[in-house]
N, C-alpha and C. Protein backbone atom coordinates (compact mmCIF):
# COMPACT_ATOMS: atom_id res chain seq x y z
N UNK A 1 0.84 -1.17 0.00
CA UNK A 1 0.00 0.00 0.00
C UNK A 1 0.89 1.25 0.00
N UNK A 2 0.62 2.15 -0.91
CA UNK A 2 1.37 3.39 -1.01
C UNK A 2 0.87 4.38 0.04
N UNK A 3 1.80 4.95 0.78
CA UNK A 3 1.41 5.92 1.82
C UNK A 3 1.12 7.27 1.18
N UNK A 4 0.12 7.93 1.73
CA UNK A 4 -0.26 9.25 1.25
C UNK A 4 0.54 10.29 2.03
N UNK A 5 1.35 11.06 1.32
CA UNK A 5 2.09 12.13 1.98
C UNK A 5 1.46 13.48 1.63
N UNK A 6 2.02 14.54 2.18
CA UNK A 6 1.43 15.86 2.00
C UNK A 6 1.43 16.29 0.53
N UNK A 7 2.49 15.95 -0.20
CA UNK A 7 2.54 16.31 -1.63
C UNK A 7 1.39 15.68 -2.40
N UNK A 8 1.13 14.41 -2.12
CA UNK A 8 0.02 13.72 -2.79
C UNK A 8 -1.30 14.34 -2.37
N UNK A 9 -1.42 14.69 -1.10
CA UNK A 9 -2.65 15.35 -0.63
C UNK A 9 -2.88 16.67 -1.37
N UNK A 10 -1.81 17.43 -1.60
CA UNK A 10 -1.95 18.69 -2.35
C UNK A 10 -2.42 18.41 -3.78
N UNK A 11 -1.89 17.34 -4.39
CA UNK A 11 -2.32 16.98 -5.74
C UNK A 11 -3.79 16.57 -5.75
N UNK A 12 -4.20 15.80 -4.74
CA UNK A 12 -5.61 15.39 -4.63
C UNK A 12 -6.48 16.63 -4.48
N UNK A 13 -6.05 17.57 -3.66
CA UNK A 13 -6.81 18.81 -3.47
C UNK A 13 -6.98 19.55 -4.80
N UNK A 14 -5.90 19.68 -5.54
CA UNK A 14 -5.94 20.40 -6.82
C UNK A 14 -6.85 19.68 -7.82
N UNK A 15 -6.71 18.37 -7.92
CA UNK A 15 -7.55 17.60 -8.85
C UNK A 15 -9.01 17.67 -8.44
N UNK A 16 -9.26 17.62 -7.15
CA UNK A 16 -10.63 17.70 -6.65
C UNK A 16 -11.24 19.05 -6.98
N UNK A 17 -10.46 20.11 -6.80
CA UNK A 17 -10.92 21.46 -7.10
C UNK A 17 -11.27 21.60 -8.59
N UNK A 18 -10.54 20.87 -9.43
CA UNK A 18 -10.79 20.92 -10.88
C UNK A 18 -11.96 20.04 -11.30
N UNK A 19 -12.52 19.27 -10.35
CA UNK A 19 -13.67 18.42 -10.66
C UNK A 19 -13.30 17.09 -11.30
N UNK A 20 -12.06 16.67 -11.14
CA UNK A 20 -11.60 15.39 -11.70
C UNK A 20 -12.23 14.25 -10.90
N UNK A 21 -12.66 13.21 -11.59
CA UNK A 21 -13.30 12.07 -10.92
C UNK A 21 -12.28 11.30 -10.08
N UNK A 22 -12.80 10.57 -9.10
CA UNK A 22 -11.94 9.74 -8.25
C UNK A 22 -11.19 8.71 -9.08
N UNK A 23 -11.86 8.13 -10.05
CA UNK A 23 -11.22 7.13 -10.91
C UNK A 23 -10.04 7.74 -11.65
N UNK A 24 -10.24 8.91 -12.22
CA UNK A 24 -9.16 9.58 -12.97
C UNK A 24 -8.03 10.00 -12.03
N UNK A 25 -8.38 10.49 -10.83
CA UNK A 25 -7.35 10.84 -9.84
C UNK A 25 -6.48 9.63 -9.53
N UNK A 26 -7.14 8.50 -9.33
CA UNK A 26 -6.41 7.26 -9.01
C UNK A 26 -5.44 6.91 -10.13
N UNK A 27 -5.88 7.05 -11.36
CA UNK A 27 -5.00 6.77 -12.51
C UNK A 27 -3.83 7.74 -12.55
N UNK A 28 -4.11 9.02 -12.39
CA UNK A 28 -3.07 10.06 -12.46
C UNK A 28 -2.02 9.86 -11.37
N UNK A 29 -2.49 9.54 -10.16
CA UNK A 29 -1.60 9.45 -9.00
C UNK A 29 -1.08 8.03 -8.74
N UNK A 30 -1.52 7.09 -9.59
CA UNK A 30 -1.11 5.69 -9.44
C UNK A 30 -1.48 5.15 -8.05
N UNK A 31 -2.73 5.41 -7.67
CA UNK A 31 -3.28 4.93 -6.40
C UNK A 31 -4.56 4.16 -6.67
N UNK A 32 -4.97 3.36 -5.70
CA UNK A 32 -6.24 2.66 -5.81
C UNK A 32 -7.37 3.67 -5.63
N UNK A 33 -8.45 3.46 -6.34
CA UNK A 33 -9.59 4.38 -6.24
C UNK A 33 -10.14 4.43 -4.82
N UNK A 34 -10.11 3.31 -4.11
CA UNK A 34 -10.62 3.31 -2.73
C UNK A 34 -9.74 4.17 -1.81
N UNK A 35 -8.45 4.26 -2.12
CA UNK A 35 -7.55 5.13 -1.36
C UNK A 35 -7.94 6.59 -1.55
N UNK A 36 -8.23 6.96 -2.79
CA UNK A 36 -8.68 8.32 -3.09
C UNK A 36 -10.00 8.60 -2.37
N UNK A 37 -10.91 7.66 -2.44
CA UNK A 37 -12.22 7.82 -1.80
C UNK A 37 -12.08 8.05 -0.30
N UNK A 38 -11.27 7.21 0.36
CA UNK A 38 -11.05 7.35 1.81
C UNK A 38 -10.44 8.71 2.14
N UNK A 39 -9.50 9.12 1.32
CA UNK A 39 -8.83 10.40 1.56
C UNK A 39 -9.81 11.56 1.42
N UNK A 40 -10.65 11.52 0.40
CA UNK A 40 -11.61 12.61 0.17
C UNK A 40 -12.67 12.68 1.26
N UNK A 41 -12.94 11.57 1.92
CA UNK A 41 -13.94 11.55 2.99
C UNK A 41 -13.45 12.24 4.27
N UNK A 42 -12.15 12.50 4.35
CA UNK A 42 -11.61 13.12 5.56
C UNK A 42 -12.16 14.51 5.80
N UNK A 43 -12.40 15.25 4.74
CA UNK A 43 -12.97 16.59 4.89
C UNK A 43 -13.61 17.03 3.58
N UNK A 44 -14.70 17.76 3.71
CA UNK A 44 -15.43 18.19 2.53
C UNK A 44 -15.77 19.67 2.67
N UNK A 45 -15.28 20.54 1.81
CA UNK A 45 -14.45 20.24 0.64
C UNK A 45 -13.06 19.79 1.08
N UNK A 46 -12.41 19.02 0.22
CA UNK A 46 -11.11 18.45 0.57
C UNK A 46 -10.08 19.55 0.74
N UNK A 47 -9.34 19.46 1.84
CA UNK A 47 -8.28 20.42 2.16
C UNK A 47 -7.06 19.62 2.60
N UNK A 48 -5.97 19.73 1.85
CA UNK A 48 -4.77 18.94 2.13
C UNK A 48 -4.21 19.21 3.52
N UNK A 49 -4.25 20.46 3.96
CA UNK A 49 -3.72 20.80 5.29
C UNK A 49 -4.53 20.11 6.40
N UNK A 50 -5.85 20.18 6.30
CA UNK A 50 -6.71 19.53 7.29
C UNK A 50 -6.52 18.02 7.26
N UNK A 51 -6.47 17.44 6.06
CA UNK A 51 -6.31 15.99 5.92
C UNK A 51 -4.98 15.53 6.52
N UNK A 52 -3.93 16.33 6.33
CA UNK A 52 -2.62 15.99 6.90
C UNK A 52 -2.68 16.00 8.42
N UNK A 53 -3.32 17.01 9.00
CA UNK A 53 -3.44 17.08 10.46
C UNK A 53 -4.22 15.89 11.00
N UNK A 54 -5.29 15.52 10.32
CA UNK A 54 -6.08 14.36 10.75
C UNK A 54 -5.26 13.09 10.67
N UNK A 55 -4.46 12.97 9.63
CA UNK A 55 -3.63 11.78 9.45
C UNK A 55 -2.59 11.66 10.56
N UNK A 56 -1.96 12.76 10.91
CA UNK A 56 -0.96 12.77 11.99
C UNK A 56 -1.63 12.41 13.31
N UNK A 57 -2.82 12.96 13.54
CA UNK A 57 -3.57 12.68 14.77
C UNK A 57 -3.91 11.19 14.85
N UNK A 58 -4.38 10.61 13.73
CA UNK A 58 -4.71 9.18 13.70
C UNK A 58 -3.47 8.33 13.95
N UNK A 59 -2.34 8.73 13.37
CA UNK A 59 -1.09 7.98 13.55
C UNK A 59 -0.68 8.00 15.02
N UNK A 60 -0.83 9.15 15.67
CA UNK A 60 -0.48 9.26 17.09
C UNK A 60 -1.34 8.34 17.94
N UNK A 61 -2.64 8.27 17.61
CA UNK A 61 -3.54 7.37 18.34
C UNK A 61 -3.11 5.92 18.16
N UNK A 62 -2.78 5.56 16.92
CA UNK A 62 -2.35 4.19 16.63
C UNK A 62 -1.09 3.84 17.42
N UNK A 63 -0.13 4.76 17.44
CA UNK A 63 1.12 4.51 18.16
C UNK A 63 0.87 4.35 19.66
N UNK A 64 -0.05 5.13 20.20
CA UNK A 64 -0.39 5.02 21.62
C UNK A 64 -1.00 3.66 21.92
N UNK A 65 -1.92 3.23 21.09
CA UNK A 65 -2.57 1.92 21.28
C UNK A 65 -1.54 0.80 21.19
N UNK A 66 -0.66 0.87 20.21
CA UNK A 66 0.37 -0.16 20.05
C UNK A 66 1.26 -0.22 21.29
N UNK A 67 1.69 0.92 21.79
CA UNK A 67 2.56 0.92 22.97
C UNK A 67 1.84 0.37 24.19
N UNK A 68 0.54 0.66 24.32
CA UNK A 68 -0.22 0.12 25.45
C UNK A 68 -0.35 -1.40 25.34
N UNK A 69 -0.61 -1.89 24.14
CA UNK A 69 -0.73 -3.34 23.94
C UNK A 69 0.60 -4.02 24.25
N UNK A 70 1.70 -3.45 23.77
CA UNK A 70 3.01 -4.04 24.03
C UNK A 70 3.32 -4.06 25.52
N UNK A 71 2.96 -3.01 26.22
CA UNK A 71 3.18 -2.96 27.67
C UNK A 71 2.39 -4.06 28.37
N UNK A 72 1.11 -4.19 28.03
CA UNK A 72 0.28 -5.22 28.65
C UNK A 72 0.77 -6.62 28.31
N UNK A 73 1.23 -6.82 27.07
CA UNK A 73 1.77 -8.14 26.68
C UNK A 73 3.02 -8.45 27.49
N UNK A 74 3.87 -7.42 27.70
CA UNK A 74 5.11 -7.64 28.47
C UNK A 74 4.81 -7.98 29.92
N UNK A 75 3.61 -7.62 30.38
CA UNK A 75 3.18 -7.95 31.74
C UNK A 75 2.46 -9.29 31.79
N UNK A 76 2.44 -10.00 30.65
CA UNK A 76 1.87 -11.34 30.61
C UNK A 76 0.41 -11.43 30.24
N UNK A 77 -0.21 -10.33 29.90
CA UNK A 77 -1.63 -10.36 29.55
C UNK A 77 -1.81 -10.90 28.13
N UNK A 78 -2.84 -11.72 27.96
CA UNK A 78 -3.10 -12.30 26.64
C UNK A 78 -3.75 -11.27 25.72
N UNK A 79 -3.59 -11.48 24.42
CA UNK A 79 -4.22 -10.58 23.44
C UNK A 79 -5.74 -10.61 23.57
N UNK A 80 -6.28 -11.78 23.86
CA UNK A 80 -7.73 -11.89 24.03
C UNK A 80 -8.20 -10.99 25.17
N UNK A 81 -7.47 -11.02 26.27
CA UNK A 81 -7.85 -10.20 27.43
C UNK A 81 -7.66 -8.71 27.14
N UNK A 82 -6.60 -8.38 26.42
CA UNK A 82 -6.33 -6.98 26.08
C UNK A 82 -7.45 -6.42 25.22
N UNK A 83 -7.91 -7.23 24.27
CA UNK A 83 -8.94 -6.73 23.35
C UNK A 83 -10.27 -6.61 24.07
């Protein structure tokens, strides 16, 4: 899976502003159409700056959850119990 960086987000914003379809955006950017769709759902109208901030926030949450799971596993707790 190709990661979406800020440059790609700016391109998505520009293409979206021009009214380019998700399918065409996916072709132009060499991404899956579902990736474009997910990205565009982050904010309407699409704004690369807002989408980037949301992405960083989501990544921080993921990292926090992972560190908590690793801590509980190191204390002997099973994954079933953690979930």
